N, C-alpha and C. Protein backbone atom coordinates (compact mmCIF):
# COMPACT_ATOMS: atom_id res chain seq x y z
N UNK A 1 66.26 221.97 172.68
CA UNK A 1 65.48 222.40 173.82
C UNK A 1 64.91 223.79 173.56
N UNK A 2 63.61 223.94 173.81
CA UNK A 2 62.98 225.25 173.68
C UNK A 2 62.82 225.77 172.27
N UNK A 3 62.95 224.91 171.28
CA UNK A 3 62.84 225.32 169.88
C UNK A 3 61.39 225.66 169.52
N UNK A 4 61.23 226.64 168.65
CA UNK A 4 59.91 226.95 168.11
C UNK A 4 59.70 226.12 166.86
N UNK A 5 58.61 225.39 166.83
CA UNK A 5 58.24 224.58 165.67
C UNK A 5 57.02 225.19 165.01
N UNK A 6 56.88 224.95 163.72
CA UNK A 6 55.71 225.42 162.99
C UNK A 6 54.87 224.22 162.59
N UNK A 7 53.57 224.32 162.77
CA UNK A 7 52.65 223.27 162.31
C UNK A 7 52.30 223.61 160.87
N UNK A 8 52.72 222.74 159.95
CA UNK A 8 52.59 223.05 158.52
C UNK A 8 52.21 221.83 157.70
N UNK A 9 51.72 222.11 156.54
CA UNK A 9 51.52 221.08 155.52
C UNK A 9 52.86 220.89 154.82
N UNK A 10 53.25 219.63 154.65
CA UNK A 10 54.52 219.35 153.96
C UNK A 10 54.32 219.52 152.46
N UNK A 11 55.29 220.14 151.80
CA UNK A 11 55.23 220.33 150.35
C UNK A 11 56.60 220.04 149.74
N UNK A 12 56.60 219.39 148.59
CA UNK A 12 57.85 219.12 147.88
C UNK A 12 58.48 220.46 147.47
N UNK A 13 59.78 220.44 147.31
CA UNK A 13 60.48 221.65 146.86
C UNK A 13 61.64 221.24 145.94
N UNK A 14 62.41 222.20 145.50
CA UNK A 14 63.50 221.93 144.55
C UNK A 14 64.58 221.03 145.14
N UNK A 15 64.69 220.99 146.47
CA UNK A 15 65.73 220.18 147.11
C UNK A 15 65.32 218.73 147.33
N UNK A 16 64.04 218.48 147.55
CA UNK A 16 63.64 217.09 147.83
C UNK A 16 62.16 216.85 147.57
N UNK A 17 61.84 215.56 147.40
CA UNK A 17 60.45 215.18 147.18
C UNK A 17 59.85 214.49 148.39
N UNK A 18 60.63 214.40 149.48
CA UNK A 18 60.12 213.84 150.72
C UNK A 18 61.05 214.20 151.88
N UNK A 19 60.55 214.02 153.09
CA UNK A 19 61.31 214.17 154.33
C UNK A 19 60.90 213.04 155.24
N UNK A 20 61.60 212.92 156.37
CA UNK A 20 61.27 211.90 157.37
C UNK A 20 61.15 212.55 158.74
N UNK A 21 60.32 211.97 159.59
CA UNK A 21 60.23 212.41 160.97
C UNK A 21 61.61 212.21 161.61
N UNK A 22 62.08 213.21 162.32
CA UNK A 22 63.40 213.16 162.95
C UNK A 22 63.48 212.10 164.04
N UNK A 23 62.35 211.59 164.51
CA UNK A 23 62.36 210.61 165.59
C UNK A 23 62.04 209.19 165.10
N UNK A 24 60.92 209.01 164.42
CA UNK A 24 60.48 207.65 164.06
C UNK A 24 60.74 207.31 162.59
N UNK A 25 61.18 208.28 161.82
CA UNK A 25 61.52 208.11 160.41
C UNK A 25 60.31 207.89 159.51
N UNK A 26 59.10 208.15 160.00
CA UNK A 26 57.91 208.08 159.14
C UNK A 26 58.08 209.10 158.01
N UNK A 27 57.53 208.82 156.87
CA UNK A 27 57.78 209.61 155.66
C UNK A 27 56.74 210.71 155.44
N UNK A 28 57.23 211.93 155.17
CA UNK A 28 56.41 213.06 154.72
C UNK A 28 56.58 213.17 153.22
N UNK A 29 55.47 213.18 152.49
CA UNK A 29 55.52 213.34 151.03
C UNK A 29 54.12 213.67 150.54
N UNK A 30 54.02 214.05 149.29
CA UNK A 30 52.72 214.38 148.71
C UNK A 30 52.03 213.17 148.11
N UNK A 31 52.45 211.97 148.49
CA UNK A 31 51.87 210.73 147.98
C UNK A 31 50.85 210.18 148.96
N UNK A 32 49.84 209.48 148.46
CA UNK A 32 48.86 208.82 149.33
C UNK A 32 49.59 207.88 150.28
N UNK A 33 49.15 207.85 151.52
CA UNK A 33 49.74 206.97 152.51
C UNK A 33 50.91 207.57 153.27
N UNK A 34 51.40 208.72 152.83
CA UNK A 34 52.51 209.39 153.51
C UNK A 34 51.95 210.52 154.38
N UNK A 35 52.71 210.90 155.37
CA UNK A 35 52.32 212.05 156.19
C UNK A 35 52.33 213.30 155.32
N UNK A 36 51.35 214.16 155.50
CA UNK A 36 51.29 215.37 154.70
C UNK A 36 51.23 216.62 155.54
N UNK A 37 51.23 216.45 156.86
CA UNK A 37 51.22 217.58 157.77
C UNK A 37 51.97 217.20 159.02
N UNK A 38 52.66 218.16 159.60
CA UNK A 38 53.40 217.88 160.83
C UNK A 38 54.03 219.15 161.35
N UNK A 39 55.11 218.99 162.10
CA UNK A 39 55.81 220.10 162.73
C UNK A 39 57.20 220.19 162.15
N UNK A 40 57.64 221.42 161.84
CA UNK A 40 58.98 221.59 161.30
C UNK A 40 59.69 222.71 162.05
N UNK A 41 61.01 222.66 162.00
CA UNK A 41 61.80 223.73 162.57
C UNK A 41 61.59 224.98 161.72
N UNK A 42 61.93 226.13 162.25
CA UNK A 42 61.72 227.38 161.51
C UNK A 42 62.48 227.38 160.19
N UNK A 43 63.63 226.74 160.13
CA UNK A 43 64.39 226.66 158.88
C UNK A 43 63.78 225.65 157.92
N UNK A 44 62.87 224.79 158.42
CA UNK A 44 62.20 223.81 157.58
C UNK A 44 63.04 222.59 157.25
N UNK A 45 64.16 222.41 157.94
CA UNK A 45 65.03 221.29 157.60
C UNK A 45 64.82 220.06 158.49
N UNK A 46 64.01 220.14 159.50
CA UNK A 46 63.70 218.99 160.34
C UNK A 46 62.19 218.91 160.54
N UNK A 47 61.64 217.71 160.34
CA UNK A 47 60.20 217.49 160.46
C UNK A 47 59.93 216.48 161.56
N UNK A 48 58.79 216.66 162.24
CA UNK A 48 58.38 215.78 163.33
C UNK A 48 56.91 215.45 163.13
N UNK A 49 56.59 214.15 163.19
CA UNK A 49 55.20 213.73 163.01
C UNK A 49 54.38 214.07 164.26
N UNK A 50 53.07 214.01 164.11
CA UNK A 50 52.15 214.34 165.21
C UNK A 50 52.39 213.46 166.44
N UNK A 51 52.54 212.15 166.23
CA UNK A 51 52.72 211.23 167.36
C UNK A 51 54.01 211.54 168.12
N UNK A 52 55.11 211.74 167.42
CA UNK A 52 56.38 212.04 168.09
C UNK A 52 56.35 213.42 168.74
N UNK A 53 55.68 214.37 168.09
CA UNK A 53 55.53 215.69 168.69
C UNK A 53 54.84 215.56 170.04
N UNK A 54 53.74 214.81 170.09
CA UNK A 54 53.00 214.63 171.34
C UNK A 54 53.83 213.89 172.39
N UNK A 55 54.64 212.93 171.96
CA UNK A 55 55.48 212.18 172.88
C UNK A 55 56.60 213.03 173.48
N UNK A 56 57.16 213.96 172.71
CA UNK A 56 58.37 214.67 173.14
C UNK A 56 58.20 216.16 173.40
N UNK A 57 57.01 216.70 173.20
CA UNK A 57 56.80 218.14 173.35
C UNK A 57 57.24 218.68 174.71
N UNK A 58 56.78 218.06 175.76
CA UNK A 58 57.12 218.55 177.10
C UNK A 58 58.60 218.36 177.42
N UNK A 59 59.14 217.20 177.07
CA UNK A 59 60.54 216.90 177.35
C UNK A 59 61.48 217.94 176.73
N UNK A 60 61.18 218.37 175.50
CA UNK A 60 62.04 219.31 174.80
C UNK A 60 61.58 220.76 174.90
N UNK A 61 60.43 221.00 175.53
CA UNK A 61 59.95 222.37 175.73
C UNK A 61 59.67 223.10 174.43
N UNK A 62 59.12 222.39 173.45
CA UNK A 62 58.84 223.01 172.15
C UNK A 62 57.71 224.02 172.26
N UNK A 63 57.86 225.11 171.52
CA UNK A 63 56.79 226.09 171.33
C UNK A 63 56.29 225.91 169.90
N UNK A 64 55.03 226.27 169.66
CA UNK A 64 54.43 226.03 168.34
C UNK A 64 53.78 227.30 167.81
N UNK A 65 53.97 227.50 166.51
CA UNK A 65 53.19 228.52 165.80
C UNK A 65 52.73 227.90 164.50
N UNK A 66 51.68 228.45 163.90
CA UNK A 66 51.12 227.91 162.66
C UNK A 66 51.76 228.59 161.46
N UNK A 67 51.61 227.92 160.36
CA UNK A 67 52.02 228.52 159.09
C UNK A 67 51.04 228.06 158.02
N UNK A 68 51.01 228.76 156.92
CA UNK A 68 50.06 228.41 155.86
C UNK A 68 50.68 227.44 154.86
N UNK A 69 52.02 227.32 154.85
CA UNK A 69 52.66 226.38 153.93
C UNK A 69 54.04 226.02 154.45
N UNK A 70 54.57 224.94 153.94
CA UNK A 70 55.91 224.50 154.35
C UNK A 70 56.95 225.41 153.73
N UNK A 71 58.15 225.45 154.33
CA UNK A 71 59.21 226.31 153.80
C UNK A 71 59.66 225.88 152.42
């Protein structure tokens, strides 16, 4: 509740080559057909797709800020 999320482009890192939306499990990755942009927690460990963000934004009271790259 009330978490600040960042709107970012998803990027692979040393820990993983993909992530999933915390709600619908859609895949974030740098491959064609995968989500490549969405919302992440400030720590970058949870990602939310655009559709789920729009569905749950008000319920969870999320605040948003932009970023130039994923964590």
